[in-house]
Amino acid sequence: MQDYNYVWANCFEITLELSCCKYPPTSELQQEWENNRESLLAFIEKVVHIGVKGFVKDAVTGAGLENATIVVAGIAHNVTAGK
């Protein structure tokens, strides 16, 4: 699903595994959160501003352009603007 979303939905997904235990007991979930909270928040703060963001507008009219292809030199993955 991650590959599909990256290629077709301009969405980059990640999976974070916080422990070696696939199904920790409910009683341990709060401690897992406490153990990883600061690292997770630091990660989010770091990556939230990476990537393509903004509006694609017509240079003359200023109207929004739907489905415009955005090409960045040196990156082999184009981004398509939404609505």
Protein backbone atom coordinates (compact mmCIF):
# COMPACT_ATOMS: atom_id res chain seq x y z
CA MET A 1 0.00 0.00 0.00
CA GLN A 2 2.85 2.39 0.77
CA ASP A 3 4.30 2.02 -2.74
CA TYR A 4 0.88 2.48 -4.34
CA ASN A 5 0.18 5.66 -2.36
CA TYR A 6 3.61 7.09 -3.19
CA VAL A 7 3.25 6.52 -6.92
CA TRP A 8 -0.47 7.21 -7.43
CA ALA A 9 -1.64 9.42 -4.56
CA ASN A 10 1.41 11.65 -3.90
CA CYS A 11 1.38 10.36 -0.35
CA PHE A 12 4.48 9.11 1.43
CA GLU A 13 3.61 6.66 4.19
CA ILE A 14 5.91 5.22 6.80
CA THR A 15 5.66 2.41 9.30
CA LEU A 16 7.05 2.91 12.79
CA GLU A 17 7.73 -0.11 14.95
CA LEU A 18 8.23 0.85 18.56
CA SER A 19 9.17 -2.48 20.08
CA CYS A 20 9.97 -6.03 19.09
CA CYS A 21 6.60 -7.14 20.49
CA LYS A 22 4.04 -7.26 17.67
CA TYR A 23 1.03 -7.24 20.02
CA PRO A 24 1.95 -5.67 23.38
CA PRO A 25 -0.54 -6.12 26.19
CA THR A 26 -2.94 -3.22 26.66
CA SER A 27 -1.43 -2.57 30.07
CA GLU A 28 1.93 -1.73 28.41
CA LEU A 29 0.68 0.67 25.72
CA GLN A 30 0.90 3.78 27.92
CA GLN A 31 4.53 2.98 28.73
CA GLU A 32 5.34 2.43 25.04
CA TRP A 33 3.89 5.86 24.32
CA GLU A 34 5.94 7.45 27.11
CA ASN A 35 9.11 5.69 25.90
CA ASN A 36 8.70 6.97 22.34
CA ARG A 37 6.72 10.22 22.64
CA GLU A 38 9.61 12.70 22.39
CA SER A 39 11.27 10.85 19.51
CA LEU A 40 8.00 10.67 17.58
CA LEU A 41 7.27 14.37 18.09
CA ALA A 42 10.83 15.30 17.06
CA PHE A 43 10.44 13.19 13.91
CA ILE A 44 7.14 14.85 13.03
CA GLU A 45 8.63 18.32 13.58
CA LYS A 46 11.54 17.42 11.31
CA VAL A 47 9.59 16.02 8.36
CA VAL A 48 6.43 18.12 8.40
CA HIS A 49 7.99 20.79 6.16
CA ILE A 50 9.79 18.47 3.74
CA GLY A 51 8.26 18.00 0.32
CA VAL A 52 6.07 19.86 -2.12
CA LYS A 53 3.35 22.09 -0.71
CA GLY A 54 1.42 25.08 -1.89
CA PHE A 55 -0.95 26.04 -4.65
CA VAL A 56 -0.49 25.79 -8.41
CA LYS A 57 -2.01 28.88 -10.01
CA ASP A 58 -2.32 30.32 -13.49
CA ALA A 59 0.29 33.10 -13.85
CA VAL A 60 -2.19 35.47 -15.53
CA THR A 61 -5.55 34.86 -13.87
CA GLY A 62 -4.39 33.48 -10.52
CA ALA A 63 -6.96 30.68 -10.81
CA GLY A 64 -6.04 27.33 -9.30
CA LEU A 65 -4.86 24.65 -11.74
CA GLU A 66 -6.10 21.11 -11.21
CA ASN A 67 -4.00 18.08 -12.09
CA ALA A 68 -0.92 20.14 -12.95
CA THR A 69 2.26 18.05 -13.12
CA ILE A 70 5.08 19.38 -10.97
CA VAL A 71 8.56 18.31 -12.09
CA VAL A 72 11.61 18.87 -9.87
CA ALA A 73 15.06 18.51 -11.42
CA GLY A 74 16.99 15.62 -9.89
CA ILE A 75 13.91 13.84 -8.50
CA ALA A 76 12.55 10.94 -10.56
CA HIS A 77 9.01 11.23 -9.20
CA ASN A 78 6.62 13.89 -10.45
CA VAL A 79 3.84 15.27 -8.27
CA THR A 80 0.36 15.99 -9.60
CA ALA A 81 -1.59 18.85 -8.04
CA GLY A 82 -5.00 18.13 -6.60
CA LYS A 83 -8.14 20.27 -6.81
